[in-house]
PDB file of N, CA and C in Angstrom:
ATOM      1  N   MET A   1       4.977 -15.642   5.287  1.00  0.00           N
ATOM      2  CA  MET A   1       5.745 -15.947   4.095  1.00  0.00           C
ATOM      3  C   MET A   1       5.135 -15.298   2.866  1.00  0.00           C
ATOM      4  N   LYS A   2       3.870 -14.991   2.910  1.00  0.00           N
ATOM      5  CA  LYS A   2       3.193 -14.397   1.770  1.00  0.00           C
ATOM      6  C   LYS A   2       3.842 -13.067   1.367  1.00  0.00           C
ATOM      7  N   ASP A   3       4.292 -12.261   2.361  1.00  0.00           N
ATOM      8  CA  ASP A   3       4.910 -10.973   2.086  1.00  0.00           C
ATOM      9  C   ASP A   3       6.265 -11.101   1.413  1.00  0.00           C
ATOM     10  N   ASN A   4       6.884 -12.256   1.471  1.00  0.00           N
ATOM     11  CA  ASN A   4       8.218 -12.459   0.926  1.00  0.00           C
ATOM     12  C   ASN A   4       8.221 -12.680  -0.583  1.00  0.00           C
ATOM     13  N   VAL A   5       7.070 -12.963  -1.173  1.00  0.00           N
ATOM     14  CA  VAL A   5       6.992 -13.413  -2.564  1.00  0.00           C
ATOM     15  C   VAL A   5       7.676 -12.461  -3.537  1.00  0.00           C
ATOM     16  N   ASN A   6       7.516 -11.166  -3.364  1.00  0.00           N
ATOM     17  CA  ASN A   6       8.102 -10.211  -4.305  1.00  0.00           C
ATOM     18  C   ASN A   6       9.408  -9.603  -3.822  1.00  0.00           C
ATOM     19  N   LYS A   7      10.011 -10.166  -2.784  1.00  0.00           N
ATOM     20  CA  LYS A   7      11.271  -9.651  -2.243  1.00  0.00           C
ATOM     21  C   LYS A   7      12.439 -10.376  -2.893  1.00  0.00           C
ATOM     22  N   LEU A   8      13.393  -9.597  -3.385  1.00  0.00           N
ATOM     23  CA  LEU A   8      14.588 -10.180  -3.991  1.00  0.00           C
ATOM     24  C   LEU A   8      15.756 -10.047  -3.021  1.00  0.00           C
ATOM     25  N   VAL A   9      16.332 -11.196  -2.660  1.00  0.00           N
ATOM     26  CA  VAL A   9      17.480 -11.242  -1.763  1.00  0.00           C
ATOM     27  C   VAL A   9      18.704 -11.627  -2.576  1.00  0.00           C
ATOM     28  N   LEU A  10      19.728 -10.790  -2.489  1.00  0.00           N
ATOM     29  CA  LEU A  10      21.005 -11.080  -3.130  1.00  0.00           C
ATOM     30  C   LEU A  10      21.939 -11.659  -2.081  1.00  0.00           C
ATOM     31  N   VAL A  11      22.411 -12.871  -2.317  1.00  0.00           N
ATOM     32  CA  VAL A  11      23.378 -13.523  -1.432  1.00  0.00           C
ATOM     33  C   VAL A  11      24.744 -13.408  -2.098  1.00  0.00           C
ATOM     34  N   VAL A  12      25.694 -12.797  -1.382  1.00  0.00           N
ATOM     35  CA  VAL A  12      27.058 -12.655  -1.901  1.00  0.00           C
ATOM     36  C   VAL A  12      27.970 -13.434  -0.956  1.00  0.00           C
ATOM     37  N   GLU A  13      28.458 -14.551  -1.438  1.00  0.00           N
ATOM     38  CA  GLU A  13      29.241 -15.476  -0.600  1.00  0.00           C
ATOM     39  C   GLU A  13      30.246 -16.191  -1.478  1.00  0.00           C
ATOM     40  N   ASP A  14      31.528 -16.136  -1.126  1.00  0.00           N
ATOM     41  CA  ASP A  14      32.551 -16.775  -1.947  1.00  0.00           C
ATOM     42  C   ASP A  14      32.644 -18.285  -1.732  1.00  0.00           C
ATOM     43  N   ASN A  15      32.043 -18.788  -0.674  1.00  0.00           N
ATOM     44  CA  ASN A  15      31.981 -20.230  -0.452  1.00  0.00           C
ATOM     45  C   ASN A  15      30.753 -20.749  -1.205  1.00  0.00           C
ATOM     46  N   ILE A  16      30.990 -21.460  -2.302  1.00  0.00           N
ATOM     47  CA  ILE A  16      29.918 -21.874  -3.207  1.00  0.00           C
ATOM     48  C   ILE A  16      28.849 -22.698  -2.485  1.00  0.00           C
ATOM     49  N   GLN A  17      29.272 -23.719  -1.735  1.00  0.00           N
ATOM     50  CA  GLN A  17      28.296 -24.582  -1.066  1.00  0.00           C
ATOM     51  C   GLN A  17      27.475 -23.814  -0.038  1.00  0.00           C
ATOM     52  N   TYR A  18      28.130 -22.976   0.728  1.00  0.00           N
ATOM     53  CA  TYR A  18      27.427 -22.201   1.748  1.00  0.00           C
ATOM     54  C   TYR A  18      26.439 -21.232   1.099  1.00  0.00           C
ATOM     55  N   GLY A  19      26.868 -20.564   0.029  1.00  0.00           N
ATOM     56  CA  GLY A  19      25.990 -19.639  -0.683  1.00  0.00           C
ATOM     57  C   GLY A  19      24.771 -20.337  -1.258  1.00  0.00           C
ATOM     58  N   GLN A  20      24.990 -21.508  -1.855  1.00  0.00           N
ATOM     59  CA  GLN A  20      23.876 -22.267  -2.426  1.00  0.00           C
ATOM     60  C   GLN A  20      22.907 -22.722  -1.345  1.00  0.00           C
ATOM     61  N   MET A  21      23.435 -23.154  -0.206  1.00  0.00           N
ATOM     62  CA  MET A  21      22.589 -23.597   0.900  1.00  0.00           C
ATOM     63  C   MET A  21      21.722 -22.445   1.398  1.00  0.00           C
ATOM     64  N   LEU A  22      22.327 -21.266   1.553  1.00  0.00           N
ATOM     65  CA  LEU A  22      21.583 -20.116   2.048  1.00  0.00           C
ATOM     66  C   LEU A  22      20.527 -19.664   1.045  1.00  0.00           C
ATOM     67  N   ALA A  23      20.885 -19.605  -0.238  1.00  0.00           N
ATOM     68  CA  ALA A  23      19.919 -19.207  -1.264  1.00  0.00           C
ATOM     69  C   ALA A  23      18.740 -20.183  -1.305  1.00  0.00           C
ATOM     70  N   GLU A  24      19.029 -21.461  -1.176  1.00  0.00           N
ATOM     71  CA  GLU A  24      17.960 -22.471  -1.183  1.00  0.00           C
ATOM     72  C   GLU A  24      17.054 -22.314   0.043  1.00  0.00           C
ATOM     73  N   ALA A  25      17.653 -22.060   1.192  1.00  0.00           N
ATOM     74  CA  ALA A  25      16.863 -21.868   2.414  1.00  0.00           C
ATOM     75  C   ALA A  25      15.946 -20.658   2.266  1.00  0.00           C
ATOM     76  N   LEU A  26      16.448 -19.573   1.701  1.00  0.00           N
ATOM     77  CA  LEU A  26      15.624 -18.381   1.495  1.00  0.00           C
ATOM     78  C   LEU A  26      14.495 -18.657   0.505  1.00  0.00           C
ATOM     79  N   SER A  27      14.780 -19.442  -0.511  1.00  0.00           N
ATOM     80  CA  SER A  27      13.750 -19.812  -1.488  1.00  0.00           C
ATOM     81  C   SER A  27      12.630 -20.594  -0.826  1.00  0.00           C
ATOM     82  N   ASN A  28      12.977 -21.406   0.165  1.00  0.00           N
ATOM     83  CA  ASN A  28      11.960 -22.155   0.903  1.00  0.00           C
ATOM     84  C   ASN A  28      11.002 -21.231   1.643  1.00  0.00           C
ATOM     85  N   TYR A  29      11.453 -20.008   1.944  1.00  0.00           N
ATOM     86  CA  TYR A  29      10.606 -19.008   2.594  1.00  0.00           C
ATOM     87  C   TYR A  29       9.989 -18.048   1.571  1.00  0.00           C
ATOM     88  N   LYS A  30       9.987 -18.471   0.306  1.00  0.00           N
ATOM     89  CA  LYS A  30       9.331 -17.759  -0.793  1.00  0.00           C
ATOM     90  C   LYS A  30      10.025 -16.464  -1.215  1.00  0.00           C
ATOM     91  N   TYR A  31      11.297 -16.273  -0.810  1.00  0.00           N
ATOM     92  CA  TYR A  31      12.061 -15.146  -1.325  1.00  0.00           C
ATOM     93  C   TYR A  31      12.590 -15.499  -2.706  1.00  0.00           C
ATOM     94  N   SER A  32      12.640 -14.523  -3.594  1.00  0.00           N
ATOM     95  CA  SER A  32      13.387 -14.687  -4.833  1.00  0.00           C
ATOM     96  C   SER A  32      14.844 -14.443  -4.473  1.00  0.00           C
ATOM     97  N   THR A  33      15.745 -15.230  -5.001  1.00  0.00           N
ATOM     98  CA  THR A  33      17.157 -15.071  -4.647  1.00  0.00           C
ATOM     99  C   THR A  33      18.034 -14.991  -5.879  1.00  0.00           C
ATOM    100  N   ARG A  34      19.129 -14.277  -5.718  1.00  0.00           N
ATOM    101  CA  ARG A  34      20.221 -14.265  -6.686  1.00  0.00           C
ATOM    102  C   ARG A  34      21.462 -14.580  -5.880  1.00  0.00           C
ATOM    103  N   LEU A  35      22.340 -15.389  -6.420  1.00  0.00           N
ATOM    104  CA  LEU A  35      23.555 -15.791  -5.733  1.00  0.00           C
ATOM    105  C   LEU A  35      24.761 -15.339  -6.554  1.00  0.00           C
ATOM    106  N   GLU A  36      25.651 -14.627  -5.913  1.00  0.00           N
ATOM    107  CA  GLU A  36      26.909 -14.220  -6.536  1.00  0.00           C
ATOM    108  C   GLU A  36      28.042 -14.632  -5.615  1.00  0.00           C
ATOM    109  N   PHE A  37      29.185 -14.939  -6.210  1.00  0.00           N
ATOM    110  CA  PHE A  37      30.318 -15.428  -5.442  1.00  0.00           C
ATOM    111  C   PHE A  37      31.402 -14.377  -5.231  1.00  0.00           C
ATOM    112  N   SER A  38      31.103 -13.129  -5.611  1.00  0.00           N
ATOM    113  CA  SER A  38      32.032 -12.020  -5.379  1.00  0.00           C
ATOM    114  C   SER A  38      31.237 -10.732  -5.224  1.00  0.00           C
ATOM    115  N   ALA A  39      31.840  -9.755  -4.562  1.00  0.00           N
ATOM    116  CA  ALA A  39      31.185  -8.460  -4.393  1.00  0.00           C
ATOM    117  C   ALA A  39      31.023  -7.760  -5.738  1.00  0.00           C
ATOM    118  N   THR A  40      31.982  -7.936  -6.625  1.00  0.00           N
ATOM    119  CA  THR A  40      31.880  -7.337  -7.958  1.00  0.00           C
ATOM    120  C   THR A  40      30.661  -7.880  -8.694  1.00  0.00           C
ATOM    121  N   GLY A  41      30.465  -9.190  -8.632  1.00  0.00           N
ATOM    122  CA  GLY A  41      29.282  -9.797  -9.240  1.00  0.00           C
ATOM    123  C   GLY A  41      28.006  -9.309  -8.585  1.00  0.00           C
ATOM    124  N   GLY A  42      28.056  -9.124  -7.266  1.00  0.00           N
ATOM    125  CA  GLY A  42      26.899  -8.592  -6.548  1.00  0.00           C
ATOM    126  C   GLY A  42      26.544  -7.192  -7.001  1.00  0.00           C
ATOM    127  N   LEU A  43      27.553  -6.348  -7.188  1.00  0.00           N
ATOM    128  CA  LEU A  43      27.300  -4.984  -7.676  1.00  0.00           C
ATOM    129  C   LEU A  43      26.673  -5.001  -9.064  1.00  0.00           C
ATOM    130  N   ASP A  44      27.099  -5.935  -9.906  1.00  0.00           N
ATOM    131  CA  ASP A  44      26.503  -6.053 -11.242  1.00  0.00           C
ATOM    132  C   ASP A  44      25.007  -6.358 -11.147  1.00  0.00           C
ATOM    133  N   ILE A  45      24.645  -7.274 -10.255  1.00  0.00           N
ATOM    134  CA  ILE A  45      23.224  -7.609 -10.056  1.00  0.00           C
ATOM    135  C   ILE A  45      22.466  -6.380  -9.556  1.00  0.00           C
ATOM    136  N   ILE A  46      23.031  -5.676  -8.593  1.00  0.00           N
ATOM    137  CA  ILE A  46      22.375  -4.493  -8.011  1.00  0.00           C
ATOM    138  C   ILE A  46      22.133  -3.424  -9.073  1.00  0.00           C
ATOM    139  N   ARG A  47      23.044  -3.302 -10.010  1.00  0.00           N
ATOM    140  CA  ARG A  47      22.882  -2.304 -11.085  1.00  0.00           C
ATOM    141  C   ARG A  47      21.779  -2.698 -12.071  1.00  0.00           C
ATOM    142  N   ARG A  48      21.499  -4.010 -12.203  1.00  0.00           N
ATOM    143  CA  ARG A  48      20.529  -4.485 -13.189  1.00  0.00           C
ATOM    144  C   ARG A  48      19.145  -4.767 -12.628  1.00  0.00           C
ATOM    145  N   GLU A  49      19.071  -5.094 -11.337  1.00  0.00           N
ATOM    146  CA  GLU A  49      17.802  -5.519 -10.770  1.00  0.00           C
ATOM    147  C   GLU A  49      17.484  -4.749  -9.489  1.00  0.00           C
ATOM    148  N   LYS A  50      16.201  -4.725  -9.137  1.00  0.00           N
ATOM    149  CA  LYS A  50      15.797  -4.094  -7.885  1.00  0.00           C
ATOM    150  C   LYS A  50      15.946  -5.120  -6.768  1.00  0.00           C
ATOM    151  N   VAL A  51      16.996  -4.948  -5.986  1.00  0.00           N
ATOM    152  CA  VAL A  51      17.303  -5.853  -4.887  1.00  0.00           C
ATOM    153  C   VAL A  51      16.761  -5.248  -3.595  1.00  0.00           C
ATOM    154  N   ASP A  52      16.086  -6.057  -2.786  1.00  0.00           N
ATOM    155  CA  ASP A  52      15.532  -5.578  -1.521  1.00  0.00           C
ATOM    156  C   ASP A  52      16.480  -5.795  -0.347  1.00  0.00           C
ATOM    157  N   ILE A  53      17.186  -6.921  -0.359  1.00  0.00           N
ATOM    158  CA  ILE A  53      18.061  -7.287   0.758  1.00  0.00           C
ATOM    159  C   ILE A  53      19.352  -7.867   0.193  1.00  0.00           C
ATOM    160  N   VAL A  54      20.482  -7.493   0.796  1.00  0.00           N
ATOM    161  CA  VAL A  54      21.771  -8.087   0.447  1.00  0.00           C
ATOM    162  C   VAL A  54      22.317  -8.777   1.691  1.00  0.00           C
ATOM    163  N   LEU A  55      22.635 -10.050   1.557  1.00  0.00           N
ATOM    164  CA  LEU A  55      23.310 -10.807   2.609  1.00  0.00           C
ATOM    165  C   LEU A  55      24.701 -11.119   2.085  1.00  0.00           C
ATOM    166  N   THR A  56      25.729 -10.659   2.777  1.00  0.00           N
ATOM    167  CA  THR A  56      27.076 -10.825   2.262  1.00  0.00           C
ATOM    168  C   THR A  56      28.071 -11.242   3.338  1.00  0.00           C
ATOM    169  N   ASP A  57      29.036 -12.014   2.919  1.00  0.00           N
ATOM    170  CA  ASP A  57      30.152 -12.387   3.771  1.00  0.00           C
ATOM    171  C   ASP A  57      31.072 -11.167   3.895  1.00  0.00           C
ATOM    172  N   VAL A  58      31.925 -11.138   4.906  1.00  0.00           N
ATOM    173  CA  VAL A  58      32.894 -10.050   5.053  1.00  0.00           C
ATOM    174  C   VAL A  58      34.146 -10.355   4.254  1.00  0.00           C
ATOM    175  N   ASP A  59      34.777 -11.477   4.557  1.00  0.00           N
ATOM    176  CA  ASP A  59      36.071 -11.809   3.954  1.00  0.00           C
ATOM    177  C   ASP A  59      35.885 -12.535   2.631  1.00  0.00           C
ATOM    178  N   MET A  60      36.120 -11.784   1.546  1.00  0.00           N
ATOM    179  CA  MET A  60      36.048 -12.362   0.204  1.00  0.00           C
ATOM    180  C   MET A  60      37.224 -11.827  -0.601  1.00  0.00           C
ATOM    181  N   PRO A  61      37.656 -12.573  -1.607  1.00  0.00           N
ATOM    182  CA  PRO A  61      38.725 -12.059  -2.471  1.00  0.00           C
ATOM    183  C   PRO A  61      38.267 -10.777  -3.174  1.00  0.00           C
ATOM    184  N   GLY A  62      39.169  -9.855  -3.348  1.00  0.00           N
ATOM    185  CA  GLY A  62      38.814  -8.597  -4.022  1.00  0.00           C
ATOM    186  C   GLY A  62      38.105  -7.663  -3.065  1.00  0.00           C
ATOM    187  N   ILE A  63      36.906  -7.293  -3.408  1.00  0.00           N
ATOM    188  CA  ILE A  63      36.117  -6.365  -2.600  1.00  0.00           C
ATOM    189  C   ILE A  63      35.488  -7.118  -1.434  1.00  0.00           C
ATOM    190  N   SER A  64      35.635  -6.582  -0.222  1.00  0.00           N
ATOM    191  CA  SER A  64      35.056  -7.232   0.963  1.00  0.00           C
ATOM    192  C   SER A  64      33.566  -6.913   1.068  1.00  0.00           C
ATOM    193  N   GLY A  65      32.893  -7.630   1.943  1.00  0.00           N
ATOM    194  CA  GLY A  65      31.481  -7.357   2.198  1.00  0.00           C
ATOM    195  C   GLY A  65      31.262  -5.973   2.790  1.00  0.00           C
ATOM    196  N   ILE A  66      32.209  -5.521   3.600  1.00  0.00           N
ATOM    197  CA  ILE A  66      32.119  -4.175   4.173  1.00  0.00           C
ATOM    198  C   ILE A  66      32.198  -3.138   3.055  1.00  0.00           C
ATOM    199  N   ASP A  67      33.143  -3.330   2.128  1.00  0.00           N
ATOM    200  CA  ASP A  67      33.265  -2.410   0.993  1.00  0.00           C
ATOM    201  C   ASP A  67      32.021  -2.461   0.109  1.00  0.00           C
ATOM    202  N   LEU A  68      31.462  -3.642  -0.065  1.00  0.00           N
ATOM    203  CA  LEU A  68      30.233  -3.779  -0.847  1.00  0.00           C
ATOM    204  C   LEU A  68      29.116  -2.948  -0.225  1.00  0.00           C
ATOM    205  N   ALA A  69      28.963  -3.040   1.091  1.00  0.00           N
ATOM    206  CA  ALA A  69      27.930  -2.256   1.779  1.00  0.00           C
ATOM    207  C   ALA A  69      28.167  -0.761   1.581  1.00  0.00           C
ATOM    208  N   GLN A  70      29.414  -0.343   1.615  1.00  0.00           N
ATOM    209  CA  GLN A  70      29.730   1.072   1.396  1.00  0.00           C
ATOM    210  C   GLN A  70      29.382   1.495  -0.030  1.00  0.00           C
ATOM    211  N   HIS A  71      29.688   0.637  -1.004  1.00  0.00           N
ATOM    212  CA  HIS A  71      29.327   0.938  -2.403  1.00  0.00           C
ATOM    213  C   HIS A  71      27.817   1.104  -2.550  1.00  0.00           C
ATOM    214  N   ILE A  72      27.061   0.235  -1.900  1.00  0.00           N
ATOM    215  CA  ILE A  72      25.597   0.315  -1.976  1.00  0.00           C
ATOM    216  C   ILE A  72      25.123   1.656  -1.421  1.00  0.00           C
ATOM    217  N   MET A  73      25.684   2.064  -0.310  1.00  0.00           N
ATOM    218  CA  MET A  73      25.285   3.345   0.286  1.00  0.00           C
ATOM    219  C   MET A  73      25.687   4.516  -0.610  1.00  0.00           C
ATOM    220  N   GLU A  74      26.866   4.440  -1.230  1.00  0.00           N
ATOM    221  CA  GLU A  74      27.321   5.507  -2.121  1.00  0.00           C
ATOM    222  C   GLU A  74      26.427   5.623  -3.354  1.00  0.00           C
ATOM    223  N   MET A  75      25.764   4.537  -3.703  1.00  0.00           N
ATOM    224  CA  MET A  75      24.842   4.541  -4.847  1.00  0.00           C
ATOM    225  C   MET A  75      23.464   5.076  -4.429  1.00  0.00           C
ATOM    226  N   TYR A  76      23.322   5.467  -3.159  1.00  0.00           N
ATOM    227  CA  TYR A  76      22.069   5.999  -2.604  1.00  0.00           C
ATOM    228  C   TYR A  76      20.912   5.023  -2.771  1.00  0.00           C
ATOM    229  N   LEU A  77      21.205   3.766  -2.599  1.00  0.00           N
ATOM    230  CA  LEU A  77      20.162   2.750  -2.701  1.00  0.00           C
ATOM    231  C   LEU A  77      19.692   2.377  -1.306  1.00  0.00           C
ATOM    232  N   GLU A  78      18.406   2.235  -1.164  1.00  0.00           N
ATOM    233  CA  GLU A  78      17.831   1.841   0.122  1.00  0.00           C
ATOM    234  C   GLU A  78      17.665   0.329   0.142  1.00  0.00           C
ATOM    235  N   ILE A  79      18.784  -0.343   0.306  1.00  0.00           N
ATOM    236  CA  ILE A  79      18.799  -1.802   0.353  1.00  0.00           C
ATOM    237  C   ILE A  79      19.288  -2.205   1.732  1.00  0.00           C
ATOM    238  N   PHE A  80      18.506  -3.010   2.436  1.00  0.00           N
ATOM    239  CA  PHE A  80      18.952  -3.514   3.729  1.00  0.00           C
ATOM    240  C   PHE A  80      20.128  -4.443   3.478  1.00  0.00           C
ATOM    241  N   THR A  81      21.255  -4.162   4.130  1.00  0.00           N
ATOM    242  CA  THR A  81      22.470  -4.935   3.910  1.00  0.00           C
ATOM    243  C   THR A  81      22.932  -5.542   5.222  1.00  0.00           C
ATOM    244  N   LEU A  82      23.102  -6.850   5.224  1.00  0.00           N
ATOM    245  CA  LEU A  82      23.588  -7.564   6.389  1.00  0.00           C
ATOM    246  C   LEU A  82      24.893  -8.227   6.013  1.00  0.00           C
ATOM    247  N   ILE A  83      25.957  -7.923   6.766  1.00  0.00           N
ATOM    248  CA  ILE A  83      27.246  -8.495   6.415  1.00  0.00           C
ATOM    249  C   ILE A  83      27.686  -9.521   7.443  1.00  0.00           C
ATOM    250  N   SER A  84      28.631 -10.360   7.031  1.00  0.00           N
ATOM    251  CA  SER A  84      29.231 -11.396   7.873  1.00  0.00           C
ATOM    252  C   SER A  84      28.248 -12.521   8.148  1.00  0.00           C
ATOM    253  N   LEU A  85      27.821 -13.172   7.103  1.00  0.00           N
ATOM    254  CA  LEU A  85      26.799 -14.214   7.217  1.00  0.00           C
ATOM    255  C   LEU A  85      27.165 -15.340   8.166  1.00  0.00           C
ATOM    256  N   LYS A  86      28.334 -15.909   8.013  1.00  0.00           N
ATOM    257  CA  LYS A  86      28.687 -17.071   8.827  1.00  0.00           C
ATOM    258  C   LYS A  86      28.642 -16.726  10.298  1.00  0.00           C
ATOM    259  N   GLU A  87      29.239 -15.595  10.652  1.00  0.00           N
ATOM    260  CA  GLU A  87      29.258 -15.199  12.050  1.00  0.00           C
ATOM    261  C   GLU A  87      27.855 -14.853  12.538  1.00  0.00           C
ATOM    262  N   PHE A  88      27.054 -14.232  11.698  1.00  0.00           N
ATOM    263  CA  PHE A  88      25.697 -13.872  12.099  1.00  0.00           C
ATOM    264  C   PHE A  88      24.888 -15.122  12.403  1.00  0.00           C
ATOM    265  N   ILE A  89      24.942 -16.080  11.506  1.00  0.00           N
ATOM    266  CA  ILE A  89      24.148 -17.299  11.690  1.00  0.00           C
ATOM    267  C   ILE A  89      24.644 -18.076  12.902  1.00  0.00           C
ATOM    268  N   LEU A  90      25.954 -18.200  13.062  1.00  0.00           N
ATOM    269  CA  LEU A  90      26.497 -18.883  14.230  1.00  0.00           C
ATOM    270  C   LEU A  90      26.110 -18.135  15.500  1.00  0.00           C
ATOM    271  N   SER A  91      26.257 -16.824  15.478  1.00  0.00           N
ATOM    272  CA  SER A  91      25.903 -16.006  16.638  1.00  0.00           C
ATOM    273  C   SER A  91      24.427 -16.154  16.986  1.00  0.00           C
ATOM    274  N   PHE A  92      23.569 -16.118  15.975  1.00  0.00           N
ATOM    275  CA  PHE A  92      22.132 -16.268  16.187  1.00  0.00           C
ATOM    276  C   PHE A  92      21.820 -17.625  16.819  1.00  0.00           C
ATOM    277  N   ALA A  93      22.427 -18.669  16.275  1.00  0.00           N
ATOM    278  CA  ALA A  93      22.184 -20.009  16.799  1.00  0.00           C
ATOM    279  C   ALA A  93      22.649 -20.116  18.248  1.00  0.00           C
ATOM    280  N   LEU A  94      23.814 -19.559  18.554  1.00  0.00           N
ATOM    281  CA  LEU A  94      24.321 -19.617  19.919  1.00  0.00           C
ATOM    282  C   LEU A  94      23.440 -18.824  20.874  1.00  0.00           C
ATOM    283  N   ARG A  95      22.940 -17.674  20.409  1.00  0.00           N
ATOM    284  CA  ARG A  95      22.080 -16.855  21.261  1.00  0.00           C
ATOM    285  C   ARG A  95      20.779 -17.573  21.599  1.00  0.00           C
ATOM    286  N   LEU A  96      20.309 -18.429  20.695  1.00  0.00           N
ATOM    287  CA  LEU A  96      19.109 -19.211  20.987  1.00  0.00           C
ATOM    288  C   LEU A  96      19.311 -20.066  22.236  1.00  0.00           C
ATOM    289  N   PHE A  97      20.573 -20.466  22.453  1.00  0.00           N
ATOM    290  CA  PHE A  97      20.899 -21.294  23.608  1.00  0.00           C
ATOM    291  C   PHE A  97      21.489 -20.483  24.758  1.00  0.00           C
ATOM    292  N   GLY A  98      21.389 -19.149  24.667  1.00  0.00           N
ATOM    293  CA  GLY A  98      21.820 -18.285  25.751  1.00  0.00           C
ATOM    294  C   GLY A  98      23.308 -18.018  25.824  1.00  0.00           C
ATOM    295  N   VAL A  99      24.054 -18.310  24.740  1.00  0.00           N
ATOM    296  CA  VAL A  99      25.497 -18.070  24.730  1.00  0.00           C
ATOM    297  C   VAL A  99      25.758 -16.704  24.104  1.00  0.00           C
ATOM    298  N   LYS A 100      26.495 -15.850  24.817  1.00  0.00           N
ATOM    299  CA  LYS A 100      26.815 -14.524  24.274  1.00  0.00           C
ATOM    300  C   LYS A 100      27.997 -14.643  23.331  1.00  0.00           C
ATOM    301  N   THR A 101      27.966 -13.846  22.259  1.00  0.00           N
ATOM    302  CA  THR A 101      29.049 -13.868  21.281  1.00  0.00           C
ATOM    303  C   THR A 101      29.607 -12.468  21.115  1.00  0.00           C
ATOM    304  N   LYS A 102      30.769 -12.385  20.495  1.00  0.00           N
ATOM    305  CA  LYS A 102      31.379 -11.081  20.253  1.00  0.00           C
ATOM    306  C   LYS A 102      31.583 -10.902  18.759  1.00  0.00           C
ATOM    307  N   PRO A 103      31.716  -9.644  18.286  1.00  0.00           N
ATOM    308  CA  PRO A 103      31.906  -9.408  16.858  1.00  0.00           C
ATOM    309  C   PRO A 103      33.268  -9.916  16.385  1.00  0.00           C
ATOM    310  N   SER A 104      33.400 -10.093  15.084  1.00  0.00           N
ATOM    311  CA  SER A 104      34.646 -10.594  14.514  1.00  0.00           C
ATOM    312  C   SER A 104      35.779  -9.609  14.762  1.00  0.00           C
ATOM    313  N   GLU A 105      36.992 -10.116  14.751  1.00  0.00           N
ATOM    314  CA  GLU A 105      38.175  -9.266  14.929  1.00  0.00           C
ATOM    315  C   GLU A 105      38.275  -8.231  13.820  1.00  0.00           C
ATOM    316  N   LYS A 106      37.908  -8.605  12.599  1.00  0.00           N
ATOM    317  CA  LYS A 106      37.977  -7.662  11.482  1.00  0.00           C
ATOM    318  C   LYS A 106      37.045  -6.481  11.727  1.00  0.00           C
ATOM    319  N   LEU A 107      35.838  -6.740  12.171  1.00  0.00           N
ATOM    320  CA  LEU A 107      34.900  -5.659  12.423  1.00  0.00           C
ATOM    321  C   LEU A 107      35.344  -4.818  13.611  1.00  0.00           C
ATOM    322  N   LYS A 108      35.897  -5.447  14.661  1.00  0.00           N
ATOM    323  CA  LYS A 108      36.348  -4.701  15.829  1.00  0.00           C
ATOM    324  C   LYS A 108      37.554  -3.837  15.508  1.00  0.00           C
ATOM    325  N   SER A 109      38.383  -4.263  14.550  1.00  0.00           N
ATOM    326  CA  SER A 109      39.618  -3.542  14.267  1.00  0.00           C
ATOM    327  C   SER A 109      39.416  -2.308  13.389  1.00  0.00           C
ATOM    328  N   MET A 110      38.229  -2.105  12.877  1.00  0.00           N
ATOM    329  CA  MET A 110      37.998  -0.926  12.048  1.00  0.00           C
ATOM    330  C   MET A 110      38.114   0.316  12.913  1.00  0.00           C
ATOM    331  N   SER A 111      38.789   1.350  12.387  1.00  0.00           N
ATOM    332  CA  SER A 111      39.076   2.530  13.189  1.00  0.00           C
ATOM    333  C   SER A 111      37.841   3.365  13.480  1.00  0.00           C
ATOM    334  N   SER A 112      36.858   3.355  12.599  1.00  0.00           N
ATOM    335  CA  SER A 112      35.648   4.123  12.849  1.00  0.00           C
ATOM    336  C   SER A 112      34.449   3.323  12.378  1.00  0.00           C
ATOM    337  N   PRO A 113      33.285   3.589  12.950  1.00  0.00           N
ATOM    338  CA  PRO A 113      32.096   2.855  12.510  1.00  0.00           C
ATOM    339  C   PRO A 113      31.839   3.058  11.029  1.00  0.00           C
ATOM    340  N   GLN A 114      31.481   1.992  10.361  1.00  0.00           N
ATOM    341  CA  GLN A 114      31.206   2.061   8.927  1.00  0.00           C
ATOM    342  C   GLN A 114      29.723   2.290   8.698  1.00  0.00           C
ATOM    343  N   PRO A 115      29.367   3.060   7.662  1.00  0.00           N
ATOM    344  CA  PRO A 115      27.959   3.379   7.420  1.00  0.00           C
ATOM    345  C   PRO A 115      27.205   2.263   6.723  1.00  0.00           C
ATOM    346  N   VAL A 116      26.950   1.183   7.459  1.00  0.00           N
ATOM    347  CA  VAL A 116      26.149   0.096   6.909  1.00  0.00           C
ATOM    348  C   VAL A 116      24.884  -0.025   7.722  1.00  0.00           C
ATOM    349  N   GLN A 117      23.856  -0.549   7.111  1.00  0.00           N
ATOM    350  CA  GLN A 117      22.579  -0.627   7.788  1.00  0.00           C
ATOM    351  C   GLN A 117      22.590  -1.626   8.925  1.00  0.00           C
ATOM    352  N   ALA A 118      23.254  -2.759   8.755  1.00  0.00           N
ATOM    353  CA  ALA A 118      23.263  -3.763   9.822  1.00  0.00           C
ATOM    354  C   ALA A 118      24.581  -4.525   9.747  1.00  0.00           C
ATOM    355  N   VAL A 119      25.160  -4.781  10.878  1.00  0.00           N
ATOM    356  CA  VAL A 119      26.399  -5.540  10.954  1.00  0.00           C
ATOM    357  C   VAL A 119      26.217  -6.626  11.995  1.00  0.00           C
ATOM    358  N   ALA A 120      26.470  -7.866  11.599  1.00  0.00           N
ATOM    359  CA  ALA A 120      26.337  -8.970  12.555  1.00  0.00           C
ATOM    360  C   ALA A 120      27.602  -9.091  13.370  1.00  0.00           C
TER     361      ALA A 120
END
């Protein structure tokens, strides 16, 4: 946890309670966190601060998490971006118990692979 002290994690989640819960959990692991409820707000934070990690939902009003990840890459920023938080966390929890999961329909329906660093 000592290495996490200077890491800034941006959580982009349109579900207020879920976003707050995740930001609080990350704070417990000594990460600095910023919470935004839209991709547009997340981009504003990225332009003002040095963000190390972005955790974002896929389905949000306006700009999606996938589009947010693409914007980050177009800005030539080396920020680890993980999209689809709810599915990732559920998938991770299920895998702990040996249950295999599949990617979301939205991610499967994309015609070509998107240039994001990590997709849950």
